[in-house]
Amino acid sequence: EKFVAEAERVLKLNGTLAIFGYTGFGHFVDHPQCDAIFRDFGVGPTKL
């Protein structure tokens, strides 16, 4: 909330805010069942 307000303050009229990233965290292209297991274990609320 504070960052977006600050971005609005400093950007020119019609300026661009680009927020992006990569996750790659727990993504197995050919094995979606592994995604679910990895996400549950790696970032799930009951494990890590």
ModelCIF file with pLDDT and N, C-alpha, C, O atoms, coordinates in Angstrom:
data_MODEL
#
_entry.id   MODEL 
#
_entity.id                         1 
_entity.type                       polymer 
_entity.pdbx_number_of_molecules   1 
#
_entity_poly.entity_id                      1 
_entity_poly.type                           'polypeptide(L)' 
_entity_poly.nstd_linkage                   no 
_entity_poly.nstd_monomer                   no 
_entity_poly.pdbx_seq_one_letter_code       EKFVAEAERVLKLNGTLAIFGYTGFGHFVDHPQCDAIFRDFGVGPTKL 
_entity_poly.pdbx_seq_one_letter_code_can   EKFVAEAERVLKLNGTLAIFGYTGFGHFVDHPQCDAIFRDFGVGPTKL 
_entity_poly.pdbx_strand_id                 A 
#
loop_
_entity_poly_seq.entity_id 
_entity_poly_seq.num 
_entity_poly_seq.mon_id 
_entity_poly_seq.hetero 
1 1  GLU n 
1 2  LYS n 
1 3  PHE n 
1 4  VAL n 
1 5  ALA n 
1 6  GLU n 
1 7  ALA n 
1 8  GLU n 
1 9  ARG n 
1 10 VAL n 
1 11 LEU n 
1 12 LYS n 
1 13 LEU n 
1 14 ASN n 
1 15 GLY n 
1 16 THR n 
1 17 LEU n 
1 18 ALA n 
1 19 ILE n 
1 20 PHE n 
1 21 GLY n 
1 22 TYR n 
1 23 THR n 
1 24 GLY n 
1 25 PHE n 
1 26 GLY n 
1 27 HIS n 
1 28 PHE n 
1 29 VAL n 
1 30 ASP n 
1 31 HIS n 
1 32 PRO n 
1 33 GLN n 
1 34 CYS n 
1 35 ASP n 
1 36 ALA n 
1 37 ILE n 
1 38 PHE n 
1 39 ARG n 
1 40 ASP n 
1 41 PHE n 
1 42 GLY n 
1 43 VAL n 
1 44 GLY n 
1 45 PRO n 
1 46 THR n 
1 47 LYS n 
1 48 LEU n 
#
_struct_asym.id          A 
_struct_asym.entity_id   1 
#
loop_
_ma_qa_metric.id 
_ma_qa_metric.mode 
_ma_qa_metric.name 
_ma_qa_metric.software_group_id 
_ma_qa_metric.type 
1 global pLDDT . pLDDT 
2 local  pLDDT . pLDDT 
#
_ma_qa_metric_global.metric_id      1 
_ma_qa_metric_global.metric_value   84.88 
_ma_qa_metric_global.model_id       1 
_ma_qa_metric_global.ordinal_id     1 
#
loop_
_ma_qa_metric_local.label_asym_id 
_ma_qa_metric_local.label_comp_id 
_ma_qa_metric_local.label_seq_id 
_ma_qa_metric_local.metric_id 
_ma_qa_metric_local.metric_value 
_ma_qa_metric_local.model_id 
_ma_qa_metric_local.ordinal_id 
A GLU 1  2 93.00 1 1  
A LYS 2  2 97.00 1 2  
A PHE 3  2 96.00 1 3  
A VAL 4  2 96.00 1 4  
A ALA 5  2 98.00 1 5  
A GLU 6  2 98.00 1 6  
A ALA 7  2 98.00 1 7  
A GLU 8  2 98.00 1 8  
A ARG 9  2 98.00 1 9  
A VAL 10 2 98.00 1 10 
A LEU 11 2 98.00 1 11 
A LYS 12 2 97.00 1 12 
A LEU 13 2 95.00 1 13 
A ASN 14 2 95.00 1 14 
A GLY 15 2 97.00 1 15 
A THR 16 2 98.00 1 16 
A LEU 17 2 97.00 1 17 
A ALA 18 2 96.00 1 18 
A ILE 19 2 93.00 1 19 
A PHE 20 2 90.00 1 20 
A GLY 21 2 83.00 1 21 
A TYR 22 2 74.00 1 22 
A THR 23 2 60.00 1 23 
A GLY 24 2 58.00 1 24 
A PHE 25 2 60.00 1 25 
A GLY 26 2 62.00 1 26 
A HIS 27 2 71.00 1 27 
A PHE 28 2 78.00 1 28 
A VAL 29 2 79.00 1 29 
A ASP 30 2 87.00 1 30 
A HIS 31 2 85.00 1 31 
A PRO 32 2 83.00 1 32 
A GLN 33 2 88.00 1 33 
A CYS 34 2 85.00 1 34 
A ASP 35 2 79.00 1 35 
A ALA 36 2 82.00 1 36 
A ILE 37 2 85.00 1 37 
A PHE 38 2 79.00 1 38 
A ARG 39 2 77.00 1 39 
A ASP 40 2 80.00 1 40 
A PHE 41 2 79.00 1 41 
A GLY 42 2 75.00 1 42 
A VAL 43 2 73.00 1 43 
A GLY 44 2 74.00 1 44 
A PRO 45 2 77.00 1 45 
A THR 46 2 81.00 1 46 
A LYS 47 2 78.00 1 47 
A LEU 48 2 76.00 1 48 
#
loop_
_atom_site.group_PDB 
_atom_site.id 
_atom_site.type_symbol 
_atom_site.label_atom_id 
_atom_site.label_alt_id 
_atom_site.label_comp_id 
_atom_site.label_asym_id 
_atom_site.label_entity_id 
_atom_site.label_seq_id 
_atom_site.pdbx_PDB_ins_code 
_atom_site.Cartn_x 
_atom_site.Cartn_y 
_atom_site.Cartn_z 
_atom_site.occupancy 
_atom_site.B_iso_or_equiv 
_atom_site.pdbx_formal_charge 
_atom_site.auth_seq_id 
_atom_site.auth_comp_id 
_atom_site.auth_asym_id 
_atom_site.auth_atom_id 
_atom_site.pdbx_PDB_model_num 
ATOM 1   N N  . GLU A 1 1  ? 0.833  -1.203  0.000   1.00 93.00 ? 1  GLU A N  1 
ATOM 2   C CA . GLU A 1 1  ? 0.000  0.000   0.000   1.00 93.00 ? 1  GLU A CA 1 
ATOM 3   C C  . GLU A 1 1  ? 0.871  1.258   0.000   1.00 93.00 ? 1  GLU A C  1 
ATOM 4   O O  . GLU A 1 1  ? 0.621  2.193   -0.760  1.00 93.00 ? 1  GLU A O  1 
ATOM 5   N N  . LYS A 1 2  ? 1.882  1.273   0.846   1.00 97.00 ? 2  LYS A N  1 
ATOM 6   C CA . LYS A 1 2  ? 2.786  2.433   0.907   1.00 97.00 ? 2  LYS A CA 1 
ATOM 7   C C  . LYS A 1 2  ? 3.634  2.541   -0.356  1.00 97.00 ? 2  LYS A C  1 
ATOM 8   O O  . LYS A 1 2  ? 3.867  3.641   -0.856  1.00 97.00 ? 2  LYS A O  1 
ATOM 9   N N  . PHE A 1 3  ? 4.096  1.405   -0.873  1.00 96.00 ? 3  PHE A N  1 
ATOM 10  C CA . PHE A 1 3  ? 4.917  1.444   -2.082  1.00 96.00 ? 3  PHE A CA 1 
ATOM 11  C C  . PHE A 1 3  ? 4.123  1.978   -3.275  1.00 96.00 ? 3  PHE A C  1 
ATOM 12  O O  . PHE A 1 3  ? 4.619  2.827   -4.016  1.00 96.00 ? 3  PHE A O  1 
ATOM 13  N N  . VAL A 1 4  ? 2.911  1.493   -3.465  1.00 96.00 ? 4  VAL A N  1 
ATOM 14  C CA . VAL A 1 4  ? 2.102  1.941   -4.606  1.00 96.00 ? 4  VAL A CA 1 
ATOM 15  C C  . VAL A 1 4  ? 1.816  3.443   -4.498  1.00 96.00 ? 4  VAL A C  1 
ATOM 16  O O  . VAL A 1 4  ? 1.843  4.152   -5.504  1.00 96.00 ? 4  VAL A O  1 
ATOM 17  N N  . ALA A 1 5  ? 1.543  3.926   -3.289  1.00 98.00 ? 5  ALA A N  1 
ATOM 18  C CA . ALA A 1 5  ? 1.323  5.368   -3.114  1.00 98.00 ? 5  ALA A CA 1 
ATOM 19  C C  . ALA A 1 5  ? 2.586  6.157   -3.485  1.00 98.00 ? 5  ALA A C  1 
ATOM 20  O O  . ALA A 1 5  ? 2.501  7.214   -4.110  1.00 98.00 ? 5  ALA A O  1 
ATOM 21  N N  . GLU A 1 6  ? 3.745  5.639   -3.099  1.00 98.00 ? 6  GLU A N  1 
ATOM 22  C CA . GLU A 1 6  ? 5.005  6.310   -3.421  1.00 98.00 ? 6  GLU A CA 1 
ATOM 23  C C  . GLU A 1 6  ? 5.285  6.240   -4.925  1.00 98.00 ? 6  GLU A C  1 
ATOM 24  O O  . GLU A 1 6  ? 5.765  7.211   -5.511  1.00 98.00 ? 6  GLU A O  1 
ATOM 25  N N  . ALA A 1 7  ? 4.990  5.106   -5.548  1.00 98.00 ? 7  ALA A N  1 
ATOM 26  C CA . ALA A 1 7  ? 5.159  4.977   -6.999  1.00 98.00 ? 7  ALA A CA 1 
ATOM 27  C C  . ALA A 1 7  ? 4.258  5.977   -7.726  1.00 98.00 ? 7  ALA A C  1 
ATOM 28  O O  . ALA A 1 7  ? 4.685  6.613   -8.690  1.00 98.00 ? 7  ALA A O  1 
ATOM 29  N N  . GLU A 1 8  ? 3.032  6.113   -7.271  1.00 98.00 ? 8  GLU A N  1 
ATOM 30  C CA . GLU A 1 8  ? 2.114  7.087   -7.881  1.00 98.00 ? 8  GLU A CA 1 
ATOM 31  C C  . GLU A 1 8  ? 2.652  8.507   -7.735  1.00 98.00 ? 8  GLU A C  1 
ATOM 32  O O  . GLU A 1 8  ? 2.491  9.331   -8.636  1.00 98.00 ? 8  GLU A O  1 
ATOM 33  N N  . ARG A 1 9  ? 3.283  8.788   -6.616  1.00 98.00 ? 9  ARG A N  1 
ATOM 34  C CA . ARG A 1 9  ? 3.830  10.129  -6.376  1.00 98.00 ? 9  ARG A CA 1 
ATOM 35  C C  . ARG A 1 9  ? 4.966  10.459  -7.337  1.00 98.00 ? 9  ARG A C  1 
ATOM 36  O O  . ARG A 1 9  ? 5.025  11.571  -7.861  1.00 98.00 ? 9  ARG A O  1 
ATOM 37  N N  . VAL A 1 10 ? 5.866  9.512   -7.575  1.00 98.00 ? 10 VAL A N  1 
ATOM 38  C CA . VAL A 1 10 ? 7.068  9.823   -8.360  1.00 98.00 ? 10 VAL A CA 1 
ATOM 39  C C  . VAL A 1 10 ? 6.929  9.561   -9.861  1.00 98.00 ? 10 VAL A C  1 
ATOM 40  O O  . VAL A 1 10 ? 7.699  10.106  -10.652 1.00 98.00 ? 10 VAL A O  1 
ATOM 41  N N  . LEU A 1 11 ? 5.962  8.738   -10.262 1.00 98.00 ? 11 LEU A N  1 
ATOM 42  C CA . LEU A 1 11 ? 5.792  8.469   -11.691 1.00 98.00 ? 11 LEU A CA 1 
ATOM 43  C C  . LEU A 1 11 ? 5.214  9.674   -12.426 1.00 98.00 ? 11 LEU A C  1 
ATOM 44  O O  . LEU A 1 11 ? 4.369  10.399  -11.901 1.00 98.00 ? 11 LEU A O  1 
ATOM 45  N N  . LYS A 1 12 ? 5.688  9.868   -13.647 1.00 97.00 ? 12 LYS A N  1 
ATOM 46  C CA . LYS A 1 12 ? 5.088  10.873  -14.523 1.00 97.00 ? 12 LYS A CA 1 
ATOM 47  C C  . LYS A 1 12 ? 3.682  10.412  -14.897 1.00 97.00 ? 12 LYS A C  1 
ATOM 48  O O  . LYS A 1 12 ? 3.342  9.239   -14.739 1.00 97.00 ? 12 LYS A O  1 
ATOM 49  N N  . LEU A 1 13 ? 2.876  11.334  -15.388 1.00 95.00 ? 13 LEU A N  1 
ATOM 50  C CA . LEU A 1 13 ? 1.557  10.991  -15.901 1.00 95.00 ? 13 LEU A CA 1 
ATOM 51  C C  . LEU A 1 13 ? 1.728  9.909   -16.969 1.00 95.00 ? 13 LEU A C  1 
ATOM 52  O O  . LEU A 1 13 ? 2.534  10.075  -17.885 1.00 95.00 ? 13 LEU A O  1 
ATOM 53  N N  . ASN A 1 14 ? 1.002  8.832   -16.869 1.00 95.00 ? 14 ASN A N  1 
ATOM 54  C CA . ASN A 1 14 ? 1.085  7.684   -17.774 1.00 95.00 ? 14 ASN A CA 1 
ATOM 55  C C  . ASN A 1 14 ? 2.422  6.950   -17.697 1.00 95.00 ? 14 ASN A C  1 
ATOM 56  O O  . ASN A 1 14 ? 2.808  6.251   -18.633 1.00 95.00 ? 14 ASN A O  1 
ATOM 57  N N  . GLY A 1 15 ? 3.123  7.112   -16.582 1.00 97.00 ? 15 GLY A N  1 
ATOM 58  C CA . GLY A 1 15 ? 4.345  6.351   -16.369 1.00 97.00 ? 15 GLY A CA 1 
ATOM 59  C C  . GLY A 1 15 ? 4.019  4.876   -16.180 1.00 97.00 ? 15 GLY A C  1 
ATOM 60  O O  . GLY A 1 15 ? 2.852  4.502   -16.065 1.00 97.00 ? 15 GLY A O  1 
ATOM 61  N N  . THR A 1 16 ? 5.036  4.055   -16.149 1.00 98.00 ? 16 THR A N  1 
ATOM 62  C CA . THR A 1 16 ? 4.856  2.607   -16.084 1.00 98.00 ? 16 THR A CA 1 
ATOM 63  C C  . THR A 1 16 ? 5.472  2.035   -14.813 1.00 98.00 ? 16 THR A C  1 
ATOM 64  O O  . THR A 1 16 ? 6.615  2.332   -14.466 1.00 98.00 ? 16 THR A O  1 
ATOM 65  N N  . LEU A 1 17 ? 4.686  1.209   -14.128 1.00 97.00 ? 17 LEU A N  1 
ATOM 66  C CA . LEU A 1 17 ? 5.161  0.437   -12.996 1.00 97.00 ? 17 LEU A CA 1 
ATOM 67  C C  . LEU A 1 17 ? 5.150  -1.018  -13.424 1.00 97.00 ? 17 LEU A C  1 
ATOM 68  O O  . LEU A 1 17 ? 4.091  -1.573  -13.716 1.00 97.00 ? 17 LEU A O  1 
ATOM 69  N N  . ALA A 1 18 ? 6.314  -1.639  -13.465 1.00 96.00 ? 18 ALA A N  1 
ATOM 70  C CA . ALA A 1 18 ? 6.429  -3.042  -13.889 1.00 96.00 ? 18 ALA A CA 1 
ATOM 71  C C  . ALA A 1 18 ? 6.954  -3.873  -12.721 1.00 96.00 ? 18 ALA A C  1 
ATOM 72  O O  . ALA A 1 18 ? 8.111  -3.743  -12.321 1.00 96.00 ? 18 ALA A O  1 
ATOM 73  N N  . ILE A 1 19 ? 6.084  -4.730  -12.180 1.00 93.00 ? 19 ILE A N  1 
ATOM 74  C CA . ILE A 1 19 ? 6.464  -5.636  -11.096 1.00 93.00 ? 19 ILE A CA 1 
ATOM 75  C C  . ILE A 1 19 ? 6.448  -7.040  -11.685 1.00 93.00 ? 19 ILE A C  1 
ATOM 76  O O  . ILE A 1 19 ? 5.436  -7.484  -12.228 1.00 93.00 ? 19 ILE A O  1 
ATOM 77  N N  . PHE A 1 20 ? 7.562  -7.727  -11.575 1.00 90.00 ? 20 PHE A N  1 
ATOM 78  C CA . PHE A 1 20 ? 7.656  -9.062  -12.161 1.00 90.00 ? 20 PHE A CA 1 
ATOM 79  C C  . PHE A 1 20 ? 8.637  -9.893  -11.371 1.00 90.00 ? 20 PHE A C  1 
ATOM 80  O O  . PHE A 1 20 ? 9.350  -9.379  -10.510 1.00 90.00 ? 20 PHE A O  1 
ATOM 81  N N  . GLY A 1 21 ? 8.672  -11.145 -11.658 1.00 83.00 ? 21 GLY A N  1 
ATOM 82  C CA . GLY A 1 21 ? 9.608  -12.028 -10.980 1.00 83.00 ? 21 GLY A CA 1 
ATOM 83  C C  . GLY A 1 21 ? 9.584  -13.395 -11.615 1.00 83.00 ? 21 GLY A C  1 
ATOM 84  O O  . GLY A 1 21 ? 8.886  -13.646 -12.598 1.00 83.00 ? 21 GLY A O  1 
ATOM 85  N N  . TYR A 1 22 ? 10.347 -14.244 -11.041 1.00 74.00 ? 22 TYR A N  1 
ATOM 86  C CA . TYR A 1 22 ? 10.357 -15.637 -11.454 1.00 74.00 ? 22 TYR A CA 1 
ATOM 87  C C  . TYR A 1 22 ? 10.132 -16.447 -10.191 1.00 74.00 ? 22 TYR A C  1 
ATOM 88  O O  . TYR A 1 22 ? 10.616 -16.092 -9.116  1.00 74.00 ? 22 TYR A O  1 
ATOM 89  N N  . THR A 1 23 ? 9.419  -17.499 -10.326 1.00 60.00 ? 23 THR A N  1 
ATOM 90  C CA . THR A 1 23 ? 9.259  -18.344 -9.149  1.00 60.00 ? 23 THR A CA 1 
ATOM 91  C C  . THR A 1 23 ? 10.092 -19.581 -9.356  1.00 60.00 ? 23 THR A C  1 
ATOM 92  O O  . THR A 1 23 ? 11.078 -19.790 -8.649  1.00 60.00 ? 23 THR A O  1 
ATOM 93  N N  . GLY A 1 24 ? 9.717  -20.400 -10.303 1.00 58.00 ? 24 GLY A N  1 
ATOM 94  C CA . GLY A 1 24 ? 10.465 -21.610 -10.539 1.00 58.00 ? 24 GLY A CA 1 
ATOM 95  C C  . GLY A 1 24 ? 10.480 -22.496 -9.315  1.00 58.00 ? 24 GLY A C  1 
ATOM 96  O O  . GLY A 1 24 ? 11.074 -23.574 -9.323  1.00 58.00 ? 24 GLY A O  1 
ATOM 97  N N  . PHE A 1 25 ? 9.836  -22.045 -8.277  1.00 60.00 ? 25 PHE A N  1 
ATOM 98  C CA . PHE A 1 25 ? 9.843  -22.744 -7.009  1.00 60.00 ? 25 PHE A CA 1 
ATOM 99  C C  . PHE A 1 25 ? 8.753  -23.802 -7.031  1.00 60.00 ? 25 PHE A C  1 
ATOM 100 O O  . PHE A 1 25 ? 7.567  -23.484 -6.947  1.00 60.00 ? 25 PHE A O  1 
ATOM 101 N N  . GLY A 1 26 ? 9.154  -25.051 -7.143  1.00 62.00 ? 26 GLY A N  1 
ATOM 102 C CA . GLY A 1 26 ? 8.177  -26.125 -7.138  1.00 62.00 ? 26 GLY A CA 1 
ATOM 103 C C  . GLY A 1 26 ? 7.390  -26.224 -8.419  1.00 62.00 ? 26 GLY A C  1 
ATOM 104 O O  . GLY A 1 26 ? 6.182  -26.455 -8.397  1.00 62.00 ? 26 GLY A O  1 
ATOM 105 N N  . HIS A 1 27 ? 8.068  -26.051 -9.538  1.00 71.00 ? 27 HIS A N  1 
ATOM 106 C CA . HIS A 1 27 ? 7.373  -26.186 -10.817 1.00 71.00 ? 27 HIS A CA 1 
ATOM 107 C C  . HIS A 1 27 ? 8.068  -27.256 -11.649 1.00 71.00 ? 27 HIS A C  1 
ATOM 108 O O  . HIS A 1 27 ? 9.209  -27.095 -12.083 1.00 71.00 ? 27 HIS A O  1 
ATOM 109 N N  . PHE A 1 28 ? 7.360  -28.329 -11.851 1.00 78.00 ? 28 PHE A N  1 
ATOM 110 C CA . PHE A 1 28 ? 7.875  -29.460 -12.629 1.00 78.00 ? 28 PHE A CA 1 
ATOM 111 C C  . PHE A 1 28 ? 7.009  -29.581 -13.877 1.00 78.00 ? 28 PHE A C  1 
ATOM 112 O O  . PHE A 1 28 ? 5.897  -30.104 -13.824 1.00 78.00 ? 28 PHE A O  1 
ATOM 113 N N  . VAL A 1 29 ? 7.523  -29.099 -14.986 1.00 79.00 ? 29 VAL A N  1 
ATOM 114 C CA . VAL A 1 29 ? 6.754  -28.981 -16.222 1.00 79.00 ? 29 VAL A CA 1 
ATOM 115 C C  . VAL A 1 29 ? 6.038  -30.269 -16.609 1.00 79.00 ? 29 VAL A C  1 
ATOM 116 O O  . VAL A 1 29 ? 4.850  -30.239 -16.930 1.00 79.00 ? 29 VAL A O  1 
ATOM 117 N N  . ASP A 1 30 ? 6.724  -31.375 -16.585 1.00 87.00 ? 30 ASP A N  1 
ATOM 118 C CA . ASP A 1 30 ? 6.127  -32.629 -17.044 1.00 87.00 ? 30 ASP A CA 1 
ATOM 119 C C  . ASP A 1 30 ? 5.508  -33.470 -15.926 1.00 87.00 ? 30 ASP A C  1 
ATOM 120 O O  . ASP A 1 30 ? 4.990  -34.559 -16.174 1.00 87.00 ? 30 ASP A O  1 
ATOM 121 N N  . HIS A 1 31 ? 5.563  -32.965 -14.714 1.00 85.00 ? 31 HIS A N  1 
ATOM 122 C CA . HIS A 1 31 ? 5.068  -33.746 -13.581 1.00 85.00 ? 31 HIS A CA 1 
ATOM 123 C C  . HIS A 1 31 ? 4.286  -32.864 -12.614 1.00 85.00 ? 31 HIS A C  1 
ATOM 124 O O  . HIS A 1 31 ? 4.779  -32.550 -11.531 1.00 85.00 ? 31 HIS A O  1 
ATOM 125 N N  . PRO A 1 32 ? 3.071  -32.460 -12.992 1.00 83.00 ? 32 PRO A N  1 
ATOM 126 C CA . PRO A 1 32 ? 2.296  -31.550 -12.140 1.00 83.00 ? 32 PRO A CA 1 
ATOM 127 C C  . PRO A 1 32 ? 1.998  -32.131 -10.753 1.00 83.00 ? 32 PRO A C  1 
ATOM 128 O O  . PRO A 1 32 ? 1.812  -31.376 -9.799  1.00 83.00 ? 32 PRO A O  1 
ATOM 129 N N  . GLN A 1 33 ? 1.951  -33.442 -10.632 1.00 88.00 ? 33 GLN A N  1 
ATOM 130 C CA . GLN A 1 33 ? 1.716  -34.026 -9.311  1.00 88.00 ? 33 GLN A CA 1 
ATOM 131 C C  . GLN A 1 33 ? 2.866  -33.702 -8.362  1.00 88.00 ? 33 GLN A C  1 
ATOM 132 O O  . GLN A 1 33 ? 2.670  -33.602 -7.151  1.00 88.00 ? 33 GLN A O  1 
ATOM 133 N N  . CYS A 1 34 ? 4.066  -33.537 -8.919  1.00 85.00 ? 34 CYS A N  1 
ATOM 134 C CA . CYS A 1 34 ? 5.215  -33.158 -8.096  1.00 85.00 ? 34 CYS A CA 1 
ATOM 135 C C  . CYS A 1 34 ? 5.090  -31.710 -7.608  1.00 85.00 ? 34 CYS A C  1 
ATOM 136 O O  . CYS A 1 34 ? 5.540  -31.383 -6.510  1.00 85.00 ? 34 CYS A O  1 
ATOM 137 N N  . ASP A 1 35 ? 4.475  -30.842 -8.430  1.00 79.00 ? 35 ASP A N  1 
ATOM 138 C CA . ASP A 1 35 ? 4.239  -29.465 -8.002  1.00 79.00 ? 35 ASP A CA 1 
ATOM 139 C C  . ASP A 1 35 ? 3.489  -29.442 -6.678  1.00 79.00 ? 35 ASP A C  1 
ATOM 140 O O  . ASP A 1 35 ? 3.887  -28.758 -5.735  1.00 79.00 ? 35 ASP A O  1 
ATOM 141 N N  . ALA A 1 36 ? 2.405  -30.192 -6.621  1.00 82.00 ? 36 ALA A N  1 
ATOM 142 C CA . ALA A 1 36 ? 1.569  -30.213 -5.419  1.00 82.00 ? 36 ALA A CA 1 
ATOM 143 C C  . ALA A 1 36 ? 2.342  -30.721 -4.205  1.00 82.00 ? 36 ALA A C  1 
ATOM 144 O O  . ALA A 1 36 ? 2.236  -30.150 -3.120  1.00 82.00 ? 36 ALA A O  1 
ATOM 145 N N  . ILE A 1 37 ? 3.109  -31.776 -4.377  1.00 85.00 ? 37 ILE A N  1 
ATOM 146 C CA . ILE A 1 37 ? 3.882  -32.341 -3.266  1.00 85.00 ? 37 ILE A CA 1 
ATOM 147 C C  . ILE A 1 37 ? 4.949  -31.351 -2.811  1.00 85.00 ? 37 ILE A C  1 
ATOM 148 O O  . ILE A 1 37 ? 5.117  -31.109 -1.616  1.00 85.00 ? 37 ILE A O  1 
ATOM 149 N N  . PHE A 1 38 ? 5.660  -30.788 -3.765  1.00 79.00 ? 38 PHE A N  1 
ATOM 150 C CA . PHE A 1 38 ? 6.747  -29.870 -3.427  1.00 79.00 ? 38 PHE A CA 1 
ATOM 151 C C  . PHE A 1 38 ? 6.216  -28.611 -2.744  1.00 79.00 ? 38 PHE A C  1 
ATOM 152 O O  . PHE A 1 38 ? 6.786  -28.141 -1.759  1.00 79.00 ? 38 PHE A O  1 
ATOM 153 N N  . ARG A 1 39 ? 5.117  -28.070 -3.278  1.00 77.00 ? 39 ARG A N  1 
ATOM 154 C CA . ARG A 1 39 ? 4.537  -26.866 -2.675  1.00 77.00 ? 39 ARG A CA 1 
ATOM 155 C C  . ARG A 1 39 ? 4.035  -27.154 -1.266  1.00 77.00 ? 39 ARG A C  1 
ATOM 156 O O  . ARG A 1 39 ? 4.228  -26.342 -0.361  1.00 77.00 ? 39 ARG A O  1 
ATOM 157 N N  . ASP A 1 40 ? 3.393  -28.302 -1.074  1.00 80.00 ? 40 ASP A N  1 
ATOM 158 C CA . ASP A 1 40 ? 2.906  -28.658 0.262   1.00 80.00 ? 40 ASP A CA 1 
ATOM 159 C C  . ASP A 1 40 ? 4.073  -28.762 1.234   1.00 80.00 ? 40 ASP A C  1 
ATOM 160 O O  . ASP A 1 40 ? 4.014  -28.213 2.334   1.00 80.00 ? 40 ASP A O  1 
ATOM 161 N N  . PHE A 1 41 ? 5.114  -29.447 0.846   1.00 79.00 ? 41 PHE A N  1 
ATOM 162 C CA . PHE A 1 41 ? 6.253  -29.634 1.731   1.00 79.00 ? 41 PHE A CA 1 
ATOM 163 C C  . PHE A 1 41 ? 7.086  -28.353 1.869   1.00 79.00 ? 41 PHE A C  1 
ATOM 164 O O  . PHE A 1 41 ? 7.480  -27.972 2.971   1.00 79.00 ? 41 PHE A O  1 
ATOM 165 N N  . GLY A 1 42 ? 7.343  -27.704 0.741   1.00 75.00 ? 42 GLY A N  1 
ATOM 166 C CA . GLY A 1 42 ? 8.254  -26.557 0.739   1.00 75.00 ? 42 GLY A CA 1 
ATOM 167 C C  . GLY A 1 42 ? 7.685  -25.263 1.266   1.00 75.00 ? 42 GLY A C  1 
ATOM 168 O O  . GLY A 1 42 ? 8.389  -24.520 1.950   1.00 75.00 ? 42 GLY A O  1 
ATOM 169 N N  . VAL A 1 43 ? 6.438  -24.969 0.973   1.00 73.00 ? 43 VAL A N  1 
ATOM 170 C CA . VAL A 1 43 ? 5.861  -23.698 1.410   1.00 73.00 ? 43 VAL A CA 1 
ATOM 171 C C  . VAL A 1 43 ? 4.526  -23.857 2.122   1.00 73.00 ? 43 VAL A C  1 
ATOM 172 O O  . VAL A 1 43 ? 3.952  -22.871 2.584   1.00 73.00 ? 43 VAL A O  1 
ATOM 173 N N  . GLY A 1 44 ? 4.032  -25.065 2.216   1.00 74.00 ? 44 GLY A N  1 
ATOM 174 C CA . GLY A 1 44 ? 2.750  -25.305 2.876   1.00 74.00 ? 44 GLY A CA 1 
ATOM 175 C C  . GLY A 1 44 ? 2.765  -24.902 4.344   1.00 74.00 ? 44 GLY A C  1 
ATOM 176 O O  . GLY A 1 44 ? 3.823  -24.874 4.972   1.00 74.00 ? 44 GLY A O  1 
ATOM 177 N N  . PRO A 1 45 ? 1.595  -24.589 4.894   1.00 77.00 ? 45 PRO A N  1 
ATOM 178 C CA . PRO A 1 45 ? 1.515  -24.073 6.269   1.00 77.00 ? 45 PRO A CA 1 
ATOM 179 C C  . PRO A 1 45 ? 1.878  -25.085 7.360   1.00 77.00 ? 45 PRO A C  1 
ATOM 180 O O  . PRO A 1 45 ? 2.154  -24.688 8.492   1.00 77.00 ? 45 PRO A O  1 
ATOM 181 N N  . THR A 1 46 ? 1.883  -26.370 7.046   1.00 81.00 ? 46 THR A N  1 
ATOM 182 C CA . THR A 1 46 ? 2.175  -27.365 8.089   1.00 81.00 ? 46 THR A CA 1 
ATOM 183 C C  . THR A 1 46 ? 3.573  -27.955 8.005   1.00 81.00 ? 46 THR A C  1 
ATOM 184 O O  . THR A 1 46 ? 3.956  -28.761 8.854   1.00 81.00 ? 46 THR A O  1 
ATOM 185 N N  . LYS A 1 47 ? 4.335  -27.568 7.002   1.00 78.00 ? 47 LYS A N  1 
ATOM 186 C CA . LYS A 1 47 ? 5.677  -28.147 6.848   1.00 78.00 ? 47 LYS A CA 1 
ATOM 187 C C  . LYS A 1 47 ? 6.727  -27.046 6.945   1.00 78.00 ? 47 LYS A C  1 
ATOM 188 O O  . LYS A 1 47 ? 6.905  -26.474 8.020   1.00 78.00 ? 47 LYS A O  1 
ATOM 189 N N  . LEU A 1 48 ? 7.424  -26.733 5.862   1.00 76.00 ? 48 LEU A N  1 
ATOM 190 C CA . LEU A 1 48 ? 8.491  -25.731 5.907   1.00 76.00 ? 48 LEU A CA 1 
ATOM 191 C C  . LEU A 1 48 ? 8.002  -24.290 5.717   1.00 76.00 ? 48 LEU A C  1 
ATOM 192 O O  . LEU A 1 48 ? 8.806  -23.358 5.735   1.00 76.00 ? 48 LEU A O  1 
#
